[in-house]
N, C-alpha and C. Protein backbone atom coordinates (compact mmCIF):
# COMPACT_ATOMS: atom_id res chain seq x y z
N MET A 1 236.19 247.58 186.45
CA MET A 1 235.13 246.92 187.20
C MET A 1 235.41 246.93 188.65
N LEU A 2 236.57 246.70 189.13
CA LEU A 2 236.95 246.71 190.60
C LEU A 2 236.71 248.17 191.16
N ASP A 3 237.07 249.18 190.30
CA ASP A 3 236.85 250.54 190.79
C ASP A 3 235.37 250.81 191.02
N GLU A 4 234.62 250.37 190.13
CA GLU A 4 233.13 250.54 190.25
C GLU A 4 232.59 249.84 191.43
N ILE A 5 232.95 248.53 191.54
CA ILE A 5 232.56 247.84 192.79
C ILE A 5 232.95 248.46 194.06
N ALA A 6 234.15 249.06 194.15
CA ALA A 6 234.65 249.69 195.27
C ALA A 6 233.73 250.94 195.55
N GLU A 7 233.52 251.68 194.61
CA GLU A 7 232.65 252.91 194.70
C GLU A 7 231.22 252.62 195.12
N LEU A 8 230.67 251.62 194.55
CA LEU A 8 229.29 251.15 195.01
C LEU A 8 229.24 250.70 196.44
N VAL A 9 230.06 249.89 196.79
CA VAL A 9 230.18 249.34 198.14
C VAL A 9 230.46 250.46 199.17
N THR A 10 231.33 251.25 198.78
CA THR A 10 231.56 252.50 199.68
C THR A 10 230.40 253.35 199.89
N ALA A 11 229.62 253.60 198.75
CA ALA A 11 228.47 254.40 198.86
C ALA A 11 227.34 253.78 199.74
N SER A 12 227.26 252.38 199.58
CA SER A 12 226.20 251.68 200.38
C SER A 12 226.67 251.36 201.82
N GLY A 13 227.94 251.61 202.16
CA GLY A 13 228.49 251.33 203.46
C GLY A 13 228.54 249.86 203.66
N GLY A 14 228.68 248.96 202.63
CA GLY A 14 228.62 247.55 202.73
C GLY A 14 227.24 247.13 202.37
N GLY A 15 226.79 246.03 202.92
CA GLY A 15 225.50 245.49 202.55
C GLY A 15 225.38 245.00 201.15
N ALA A 16 226.52 244.66 200.56
CA ALA A 16 226.52 244.24 199.15
C ALA A 16 226.62 242.65 199.04
N LEU A 17 225.67 242.14 198.16
CA LEU A 17 225.78 240.67 197.71
C LEU A 17 226.41 240.74 196.37
N GLY A 18 227.67 240.30 196.31
CA GLY A 18 228.35 240.23 194.94
C GLY A 18 228.13 238.88 194.31
N LEU A 19 227.41 238.83 193.21
CA LEU A 19 227.11 237.73 192.36
C LEU A 19 228.10 237.61 191.17
N PHE A 20 228.94 236.68 191.14
CA PHE A 20 230.00 236.62 190.11
C PHE A 20 229.79 235.38 189.24
N SER A 21 230.13 235.53 187.95
CA SER A 21 229.92 234.42 187.11
C SER A 21 231.07 233.37 187.26
N SER A 22 232.19 233.59 187.96
CA SER A 22 233.16 232.74 188.20
C SER A 22 233.78 232.85 189.48
N ARG A 23 234.36 231.74 189.98
CA ARG A 23 234.96 231.63 191.35
C ARG A 23 236.15 232.65 191.32
N ARG A 24 236.94 232.59 190.21
CA ARG A 24 238.07 233.49 190.11
C ARG A 24 237.70 234.99 190.16
N GLY A 25 236.55 235.35 189.54
CA GLY A 25 236.00 236.72 189.61
C GLY A 25 235.70 237.15 191.01
N ALA A 26 234.88 236.19 191.72
CA ALA A 26 234.59 236.51 193.01
C ALA A 26 235.76 236.60 193.97
N GLN A 27 236.74 235.81 193.82
CA GLN A 27 237.97 235.87 194.67
C GLN A 27 238.83 237.08 194.36
N ALA A 28 238.91 237.38 193.08
CA ALA A 28 239.68 238.63 192.75
C ALA A 28 238.96 239.93 193.29
N ALA A 29 237.67 239.99 193.22
CA ALA A 29 236.95 241.14 193.73
C ALA A 29 237.08 241.18 195.21
N ALA A 30 236.91 240.14 195.88
CA ALA A 30 236.94 240.06 197.35
C ALA A 30 238.44 240.49 197.82
N GLU A 31 239.47 239.91 197.16
CA GLU A 31 240.82 240.44 197.61
C GLU A 31 241.05 241.91 197.36
N ALA A 32 240.55 242.37 196.22
CA ALA A 32 240.69 243.83 195.94
C ALA A 32 239.97 244.67 196.90
N MET A 33 238.75 244.37 197.21
CA MET A 33 237.91 245.05 198.08
C MET A 33 238.40 245.06 199.58
N ARG A 34 239.08 243.91 199.91
CA ARG A 34 239.66 243.83 201.30
C ARG A 34 240.91 244.87 201.34
N GLU A 35 241.54 245.11 200.40
CA GLU A 35 242.69 246.05 200.26
C GLU A 35 242.19 247.50 200.26
N ARG A 36 241.09 247.62 199.61
CA ARG A 36 240.58 249.12 199.47
C ARG A 36 239.62 249.63 200.37
N LEU A 37 238.83 248.74 201.04
CA LEU A 37 237.68 249.16 201.90
C LEU A 37 237.93 248.79 203.27
N ASP A 38 237.22 249.41 204.22
CA ASP A 38 237.21 249.13 205.64
C ASP A 38 236.14 248.38 206.11
N THR A 39 235.22 247.90 205.19
CA THR A 39 234.14 247.05 205.62
C THR A 39 234.44 245.58 205.38
N PRO A 40 233.87 244.79 206.17
CA PRO A 40 234.11 243.14 206.06
C PRO A 40 233.68 242.68 204.76
N ILE A 41 234.53 241.98 204.10
CA ILE A 41 234.21 241.25 202.82
C ILE A 41 234.26 239.72 203.11
N LEU A 42 233.21 239.03 202.94
CA LEU A 42 233.06 237.66 203.18
C LEU A 42 233.13 236.96 201.74
N LEU A 43 233.78 235.87 201.62
CA LEU A 43 233.93 235.21 200.36
C LEU A 43 233.48 233.69 200.46
N GLN A 44 232.58 233.48 199.50
CA GLN A 44 232.08 232.03 199.41
C GLN A 44 233.35 231.16 199.30
N GLY A 45 233.32 229.95 200.11
CA GLY A 45 234.40 229.05 200.06
C GLY A 45 235.40 229.23 201.22
N GLU A 46 235.34 230.34 201.93
CA GLU A 46 236.26 230.61 202.97
C GLU A 46 235.61 230.01 204.31
N ASP A 47 234.41 229.75 204.24
CA ASP A 47 233.57 229.07 205.37
C ASP A 47 232.39 228.46 204.69
N VAL A 48 231.61 227.68 205.43
CA VAL A 48 230.41 227.04 204.89
C VAL A 48 229.40 228.13 204.58
N LEU A 49 228.63 227.92 203.55
CA LEU A 49 227.68 228.97 203.12
C LEU A 49 226.71 229.50 204.16
N PRO A 50 226.05 228.53 205.00
CA PRO A 50 225.14 229.05 205.93
C PRO A 50 225.75 230.00 206.98
N THR A 51 227.01 229.64 207.34
CA THR A 51 227.69 230.57 208.38
C THR A 51 227.97 231.96 207.63
N LEU A 52 228.40 231.93 206.45
CA LEU A 52 228.63 233.22 205.74
C LEU A 52 227.47 234.09 205.63
N VAL A 53 226.39 233.37 205.28
CA VAL A 53 225.03 234.13 205.17
C VAL A 53 224.61 234.65 206.52
N ARG A 54 224.77 233.95 207.49
CA ARG A 54 224.38 234.48 208.87
C ARG A 54 225.31 235.69 209.21
N GLU A 55 226.58 235.64 208.89
CA GLU A 55 227.42 236.80 209.21
C GLU A 55 226.99 237.91 208.46
N PHE A 56 226.73 237.74 207.20
CA PHE A 56 226.25 238.82 206.19
C PHE A 56 225.06 239.43 206.74
N ALA A 57 223.99 238.62 207.11
CA ALA A 57 222.88 239.04 207.71
C ALA A 57 222.88 239.83 208.99
N ALA A 58 223.85 239.49 209.80
CA ALA A 58 223.95 240.03 211.06
C ALA A 58 224.74 241.35 211.08
N ASP A 59 225.50 241.63 210.07
CA ASP A 59 226.42 242.90 210.07
C ASP A 59 226.00 243.72 208.84
N PRO A 60 225.27 244.74 209.02
CA PRO A 60 224.88 245.63 207.87
C PRO A 60 226.09 246.21 207.09
N ALA A 61 227.30 246.22 207.68
CA ALA A 61 228.49 246.77 206.96
C ALA A 61 229.18 245.69 206.20
N ALA A 62 228.76 244.36 206.40
CA ALA A 62 229.54 243.34 205.62
C ALA A 62 229.05 243.16 204.27
N SER A 63 229.86 242.58 203.38
CA SER A 63 229.49 242.30 201.96
C SER A 63 229.89 240.85 201.78
N LEU A 64 229.16 240.15 200.99
CA LEU A 64 229.30 238.67 200.65
C LEU A 64 229.45 238.54 199.16
N PHE A 65 230.60 237.97 198.73
CA PHE A 65 230.88 237.67 197.34
C PHE A 65 230.87 236.22 197.12
N GLY A 66 230.37 235.82 195.97
CA GLY A 66 230.35 234.40 195.56
C GLY A 66 229.83 234.11 194.27
N THR A 67 229.50 232.88 193.97
CA THR A 67 229.04 232.36 192.66
C THR A 67 227.71 231.74 192.73
N LEU A 68 227.45 230.86 191.86
CA LEU A 68 226.11 230.40 191.52
C LEU A 68 225.16 230.17 192.61
N SER A 69 225.66 229.50 193.74
CA SER A 69 224.68 229.11 194.75
C SER A 69 224.12 230.33 195.47
N LEU A 70 224.86 231.41 195.43
CA LEU A 70 224.36 232.78 195.87
C LEU A 70 223.29 233.22 195.09
N TRP A 71 223.27 233.08 193.83
CA TRP A 71 222.32 233.55 192.90
C TRP A 71 220.93 233.05 193.24
N GLN A 72 220.89 231.86 193.79
CA GLN A 72 219.62 231.14 193.88
C GLN A 72 219.29 230.87 195.41
N GLY A 73 220.09 230.78 196.24
CA GLY A 73 219.79 230.30 197.59
C GLY A 73 219.96 231.23 198.88
N VAL A 74 220.04 232.55 198.58
CA VAL A 74 220.36 233.42 199.70
C VAL A 74 219.07 234.17 199.99
N ASP A 75 218.65 234.21 201.32
CA ASP A 75 217.47 235.00 201.69
C ASP A 75 217.80 235.87 202.83
N VAL A 76 218.21 237.08 202.56
CA VAL A 76 218.63 238.13 203.49
C VAL A 76 217.75 239.37 203.40
N PRO A 77 216.55 239.32 203.88
CA PRO A 77 215.69 240.63 203.83
C PRO A 77 216.14 241.67 204.69
N GLY A 78 215.78 242.87 204.37
CA GLY A 78 216.04 244.09 205.17
C GLY A 78 217.39 244.71 204.80
N GLN A 79 217.73 245.57 205.77
CA GLN A 79 218.94 246.47 205.54
C GLN A 79 220.25 245.83 205.32
N SER A 80 220.34 244.56 205.73
CA SER A 80 221.71 243.88 205.48
C SER A 80 222.07 243.67 204.03
N CYS A 81 221.06 243.60 203.18
CA CYS A 81 221.24 243.46 201.69
C CYS A 81 220.59 244.58 201.07
N ARG A 82 221.39 245.58 200.70
CA ARG A 82 220.83 246.74 199.90
C ARG A 82 221.46 247.05 198.62
N LEU A 83 222.48 246.16 198.22
CA LEU A 83 223.12 246.20 196.95
C LEU A 83 223.43 244.84 196.50
N VAL A 84 222.92 244.55 195.23
CA VAL A 84 223.33 243.36 194.62
C VAL A 84 224.11 243.67 193.38
N LEU A 85 225.38 243.18 193.37
CA LEU A 85 226.24 243.46 192.30
C LEU A 85 226.32 242.20 191.39
N ILE A 86 226.12 242.33 190.07
CA ILE A 86 226.28 241.22 189.16
C ILE A 86 227.36 241.65 188.20
N ASP A 87 228.36 240.78 188.19
CA ASP A 87 229.61 241.21 187.44
C ASP A 87 229.38 241.06 185.91
N ARG A 88 228.85 239.86 185.47
CA ARG A 88 228.51 239.58 184.11
C ARG A 88 227.23 238.90 183.91
N ILE A 89 226.74 239.05 182.69
CA ILE A 89 225.55 238.29 182.38
C ILE A 89 225.85 236.80 182.45
N PRO A 90 225.04 236.03 183.16
CA PRO A 90 225.31 234.60 183.38
C PRO A 90 224.95 233.66 182.42
N PHE A 91 225.64 233.82 181.18
CA PHE A 91 225.41 232.91 180.18
C PHE A 91 225.83 231.53 180.56
N PRO A 92 225.35 230.44 180.00
CA PRO A 92 225.88 229.07 180.34
C PRO A 92 227.31 229.05 179.78
N ARG A 93 228.12 228.13 180.22
CA ARG A 93 229.43 227.85 179.77
C ARG A 93 229.43 227.39 178.42
N PRO A 94 230.14 227.86 177.43
CA PRO A 94 230.16 227.43 175.98
C PRO A 94 230.46 225.93 175.77
N ASP A 95 231.13 225.36 176.81
CA ASP A 95 231.58 224.05 176.68
C ASP A 95 230.54 223.07 177.38
N ASP A 96 229.41 223.56 177.86
CA ASP A 96 228.36 222.63 178.40
C ASP A 96 227.82 221.84 177.32
N PRO A 97 227.97 220.51 177.35
CA PRO A 97 227.41 219.71 176.17
C PRO A 97 225.97 219.68 176.08
N ILE A 98 225.26 219.68 177.22
CA ILE A 98 223.80 219.60 177.13
C ILE A 98 223.24 220.88 176.59
N LYS A 99 223.75 222.17 177.00
CA LYS A 99 223.32 223.35 176.36
C LYS A 99 223.67 223.42 174.94
N ALA A 100 224.81 223.00 174.65
CA ALA A 100 225.35 222.99 173.13
C ALA A 100 224.42 222.16 172.32
N ALA A 101 224.07 220.92 172.77
CA ALA A 101 223.17 220.08 172.07
C ALA A 101 221.86 220.68 171.91
N ARG A 102 221.28 221.26 173.01
CA ARG A 102 219.95 221.93 172.78
C ARG A 102 219.93 223.11 171.84
N THR A 103 221.08 223.88 171.86
CA THR A 103 221.19 225.00 171.01
C THR A 103 221.22 224.46 169.51
N GLU A 104 221.94 223.40 169.30
CA GLU A 104 222.04 222.83 167.91
C GLU A 104 220.71 222.40 167.46
N VAL A 105 219.86 221.75 168.23
CA VAL A 105 218.56 221.22 167.99
C VAL A 105 217.64 222.36 167.54
N VAL A 106 217.69 223.42 168.45
CA VAL A 106 216.85 224.62 168.14
C VAL A 106 217.24 225.21 166.71
N GLY A 107 218.58 225.32 166.53
CA GLY A 107 219.05 225.94 165.23
C GLY A 107 218.71 225.09 164.01
N LYS A 108 218.72 223.74 164.19
CA LYS A 108 218.35 222.85 163.09
C LYS A 108 216.86 222.90 162.72
N SER A 109 216.09 223.32 163.72
CA SER A 109 214.63 223.38 163.44
C SER A 109 214.27 224.84 163.02
N GLY A 110 215.23 225.64 162.77
CA GLY A 110 214.98 226.90 162.23
C GLY A 110 214.85 228.07 163.39
N GLY A 111 215.07 227.76 164.57
CA GLY A 111 214.99 228.81 165.66
C GLY A 111 216.37 229.37 165.96
N ASN A 112 216.39 230.30 166.87
CA ASN A 112 217.51 230.94 167.34
C ASN A 112 218.08 230.19 168.43
N GLY A 113 219.00 229.41 168.40
CA GLY A 113 219.48 228.53 169.48
C GLY A 113 220.01 229.40 170.63
N PHE A 114 220.77 230.52 170.39
CA PHE A 114 221.35 231.38 171.35
C PHE A 114 220.20 231.97 172.24
N MET A 115 219.27 232.56 171.49
CA MET A 115 218.12 233.22 172.26
C MET A 115 217.23 232.13 172.97
N ALA A 116 217.05 231.01 172.46
CA ALA A 116 216.14 230.00 173.10
C ALA A 116 216.82 229.33 174.23
N ILE A 117 218.15 229.09 174.22
CA ILE A 117 218.82 228.42 175.21
C ILE A 117 219.76 229.31 176.13
N SER A 118 220.73 229.98 175.49
CA SER A 118 221.65 230.70 176.40
C SER A 118 221.01 231.98 176.87
N ALA A 119 220.29 232.76 176.17
CA ALA A 119 219.78 234.00 176.58
C ALA A 119 218.60 233.69 177.59
N THR A 120 217.91 232.74 177.34
CA THR A 120 216.77 232.41 178.31
C THR A 120 217.38 231.87 179.70
N HIS A 121 218.39 231.06 179.58
CA HIS A 121 219.12 230.73 180.79
C HIS A 121 219.72 231.84 181.53
N ALA A 122 220.26 232.75 180.84
CA ALA A 122 220.86 234.04 181.51
C ALA A 122 219.70 234.87 182.11
N ALA A 123 218.56 234.95 181.34
CA ALA A 123 217.50 235.70 181.85
C ALA A 123 216.97 235.27 183.27
N LEU A 124 216.77 233.91 183.20
CA LEU A 124 216.37 233.25 184.44
C LEU A 124 217.34 233.59 185.70
N LEU A 125 218.53 233.47 185.41
CA LEU A 125 219.58 233.65 186.47
C LEU A 125 219.62 235.11 186.89
N LEU A 126 219.50 236.02 185.85
CA LEU A 126 219.41 237.46 186.17
C LEU A 126 218.26 237.72 187.16
N ALA A 127 217.18 237.15 186.75
CA ALA A 127 215.91 237.47 187.59
C ALA A 127 216.20 236.91 189.01
N GLN A 128 216.72 235.72 189.11
CA GLN A 128 217.06 235.15 190.46
C GLN A 128 217.97 235.93 191.14
N GLY A 129 219.01 236.44 190.56
CA GLY A 129 220.04 237.28 191.23
C GLY A 129 219.34 238.57 191.69
N ALA A 130 218.60 239.18 190.93
CA ALA A 130 218.01 240.49 191.26
C ALA A 130 217.08 240.25 192.45
N GLY A 131 216.34 239.04 192.32
CA GLY A 131 215.46 238.64 193.46
C GLY A 131 216.09 238.50 194.86
N ARG A 132 217.43 238.46 194.90
CA ARG A 132 218.08 238.36 196.23
C ARG A 132 217.93 239.71 196.98
N LEU A 133 217.65 240.81 196.25
CA LEU A 133 217.46 242.12 196.89
C LEU A 133 216.08 242.29 197.34
N ILE A 134 215.13 241.70 196.66
CA ILE A 134 213.74 242.04 196.94
C ILE A 134 213.09 240.81 197.60
N ARG A 135 213.27 240.77 199.02
CA ARG A 135 212.81 239.55 199.74
C ARG A 135 211.59 239.85 200.50
N SER A 136 211.24 241.14 200.60
CA SER A 136 209.91 241.61 201.24
C SER A 136 209.48 242.88 200.68
N THR A 137 208.28 243.32 201.03
CA THR A 137 207.72 244.50 200.48
C THR A 137 208.42 245.83 200.94
N THR A 138 209.12 245.66 202.06
CA THR A 138 209.85 246.96 202.57
C THR A 138 211.37 246.98 202.08
N ASP A 139 211.77 246.00 201.36
CA ASP A 139 213.19 246.02 200.94
C ASP A 139 213.41 247.03 200.00
N ARG A 140 214.65 247.74 200.09
CA ARG A 140 214.99 248.85 199.22
C ARG A 140 216.46 248.57 198.76
N GLY A 141 216.83 248.99 197.64
CA GLY A 141 218.26 248.80 197.28
C GLY A 141 218.53 249.02 195.79
N VAL A 142 219.74 248.66 195.46
CA VAL A 142 220.20 248.79 194.03
C VAL A 142 220.64 247.49 193.54
N VAL A 143 220.27 247.03 192.33
CA VAL A 143 220.76 246.00 191.59
C VAL A 143 221.56 246.61 190.46
N ALA A 144 222.95 246.26 190.60
CA ALA A 144 223.92 246.96 189.70
C ALA A 144 224.47 245.71 188.72
N VAL A 145 224.09 245.79 187.49
CA VAL A 145 224.52 244.86 186.60
C VAL A 145 225.76 245.58 185.87
N LEU A 146 226.98 245.01 186.09
CA LEU A 146 228.19 245.75 185.68
C LEU A 146 228.51 245.42 184.12
N ASP A 147 227.87 244.55 183.60
CA ASP A 147 228.03 244.11 182.30
C ASP A 147 227.38 245.08 181.25
N PRO A 148 228.21 245.84 180.50
CA PRO A 148 227.57 246.71 179.58
C PRO A 148 226.77 246.11 178.45
N ARG A 149 226.93 244.87 178.18
CA ARG A 149 226.10 244.18 177.20
C ARG A 149 224.62 244.20 177.56
N LEU A 150 224.21 244.41 178.79
CA LEU A 150 222.81 244.54 179.08
C LEU A 150 222.21 245.78 178.40
N ARG A 151 222.91 246.77 178.22
CA ARG A 151 222.59 247.97 177.48
C ARG A 151 222.82 247.94 176.05
N THR A 152 223.95 247.34 175.58
CA THR A 152 224.49 247.58 174.33
C THR A 152 224.16 246.36 173.34
N ALA A 153 223.94 245.22 173.82
CA ALA A 153 223.77 244.06 172.91
C ALA A 153 222.31 243.91 172.49
N ARG A 154 222.10 243.43 171.32
CA ARG A 154 220.75 243.20 170.74
C ARG A 154 219.88 242.43 171.74
N TYR A 155 220.32 241.48 172.45
CA TYR A 155 219.67 240.58 173.42
C TYR A 155 219.44 241.30 174.72
N GLY A 156 220.05 242.42 174.97
CA GLY A 156 219.98 243.21 176.20
C GLY A 156 218.52 243.50 176.67
N THR A 157 217.76 243.90 175.75
CA THR A 157 216.31 244.28 176.07
C THR A 157 215.54 243.01 176.57
N PHE A 158 215.78 241.85 175.82
CA PHE A 158 215.21 240.53 176.31
C PHE A 158 215.62 240.29 177.73
N LEU A 159 216.94 240.40 178.00
CA LEU A 159 217.43 240.10 179.39
C LEU A 159 216.83 241.08 180.40
N ALA A 160 216.78 242.37 180.07
CA ALA A 160 216.30 243.41 181.06
C ALA A 160 214.88 243.11 181.40
N ALA A 161 214.06 242.61 180.39
CA ALA A 161 212.61 242.30 180.58
C ALA A 161 212.43 241.24 181.62
N SER A 162 213.46 240.40 181.84
CA SER A 162 213.29 239.33 182.83
C SER A 162 213.46 239.81 184.28
N LEU A 163 213.97 240.90 184.36
CA LEU A 163 214.22 241.60 185.71
C LEU A 163 213.04 241.96 186.49
N PRO A 164 212.91 242.06 187.79
CA PRO A 164 211.73 242.55 188.33
C PRO A 164 211.52 244.09 187.97
N PRO A 165 210.32 244.55 188.12
CA PRO A 165 210.17 245.94 187.72
C PRO A 165 210.91 246.98 188.58
N LEU A 166 212.15 247.15 188.23
CA LEU A 166 213.14 248.10 188.98
C LEU A 166 213.22 249.37 188.14
N TRP A 167 213.53 250.54 188.69
CA TRP A 167 213.76 251.75 188.08
C TRP A 167 215.17 251.69 187.40
N PRO A 168 215.23 251.58 186.15
CA PRO A 168 216.56 251.60 185.51
C PRO A 168 217.31 252.88 185.38
N THR A 169 218.61 252.93 185.59
CA THR A 169 219.40 254.14 185.36
C THR A 169 220.78 253.75 185.04
N THR A 170 221.43 254.49 184.26
CA THR A 170 222.92 254.44 184.02
C THR A 170 223.73 255.52 184.57
N ASP A 171 222.96 256.43 185.39
CA ASP A 171 223.59 257.61 185.92
C ASP A 171 224.21 257.26 187.33
N THR A 172 225.55 257.18 187.27
CA THR A 172 226.32 256.62 188.50
C THR A 172 226.12 257.57 189.70
N HIS A 173 225.95 258.83 189.46
CA HIS A 173 225.62 259.77 190.60
C HIS A 173 224.34 259.47 191.26
N VAL A 174 223.32 259.20 190.50
CA VAL A 174 222.01 258.91 191.07
C VAL A 174 222.16 257.55 191.81
N VAL A 175 222.86 256.57 191.28
CA VAL A 175 223.00 255.37 191.98
C VAL A 175 223.71 255.48 193.34
N ARG A 176 224.82 256.18 193.36
CA ARG A 176 225.63 256.32 194.54
C ARG A 176 224.85 257.15 195.58
N ALA A 177 224.12 258.18 195.08
CA ALA A 177 223.30 259.01 196.00
C ALA A 177 222.25 258.16 196.65
N ALA A 178 221.54 257.29 195.90
CA ALA A 178 220.59 256.39 196.50
C ALA A 178 221.15 255.41 197.52
N LEU A 179 222.29 254.87 197.12
CA LEU A 179 222.93 254.07 198.03
C LEU A 179 223.37 254.69 199.43
N THR A 180 223.95 255.84 199.25
CA THR A 180 224.19 256.69 200.43
C THR A 180 223.11 256.92 201.33
N ARG A 181 221.93 257.33 200.75
CA ARG A 181 220.70 257.58 201.51
C ARG A 181 220.19 256.20 202.15
N LEU A 182 220.35 255.08 201.46
CA LEU A 182 219.96 253.77 202.16
C LEU A 182 220.83 253.48 203.27
N ALA A 183 222.16 253.73 203.09
CA ALA A 183 223.09 253.41 204.17
C ALA A 183 222.82 254.33 205.41
N GLU A 184 222.41 255.53 205.14
CA GLU A 184 222.16 256.32 206.41
C GLU A 184 220.77 256.08 207.04
N SER A 185 219.81 255.48 206.34
CA SER A 185 218.49 255.20 206.98
C SER A 185 218.45 254.02 207.88
């Protein structure tokens, strides 16, 4: 996954908003990208979020990596955000007692607790994450979901349907070429 992130950020020349499902994942990716790339990598937690978002918006070569608050609260329209990276499908934590109780109630009533609770929660967060890219009618870019389960799991179709109407592809050459064109424009 780190190789894929490096290739995507290189192709886009920065401008990446990395949305990670864990703090550890965001930190590991930021550290690895700082070693591999020449573009600035900002990490949630190293400064207050408003300052990091301002720095990200001001420098089209910068990338910002972080967790849940970035999925819902970042508004950076234009060229500064042209790549949204999502490391994993954002399912709720399995040890969340409220989600577990809701899942159990749905299951006891004959429904599919996973789809009704966990998959629906993940679909909402995926839509919010993808929405970080599309902030105005002129915004262009790539939403890269690096979790193969979006394509391979039974629930992948349900999750993909929650995303804005984006053109889907799994062809890495097409994605990198699009990012390179966006970086040059």
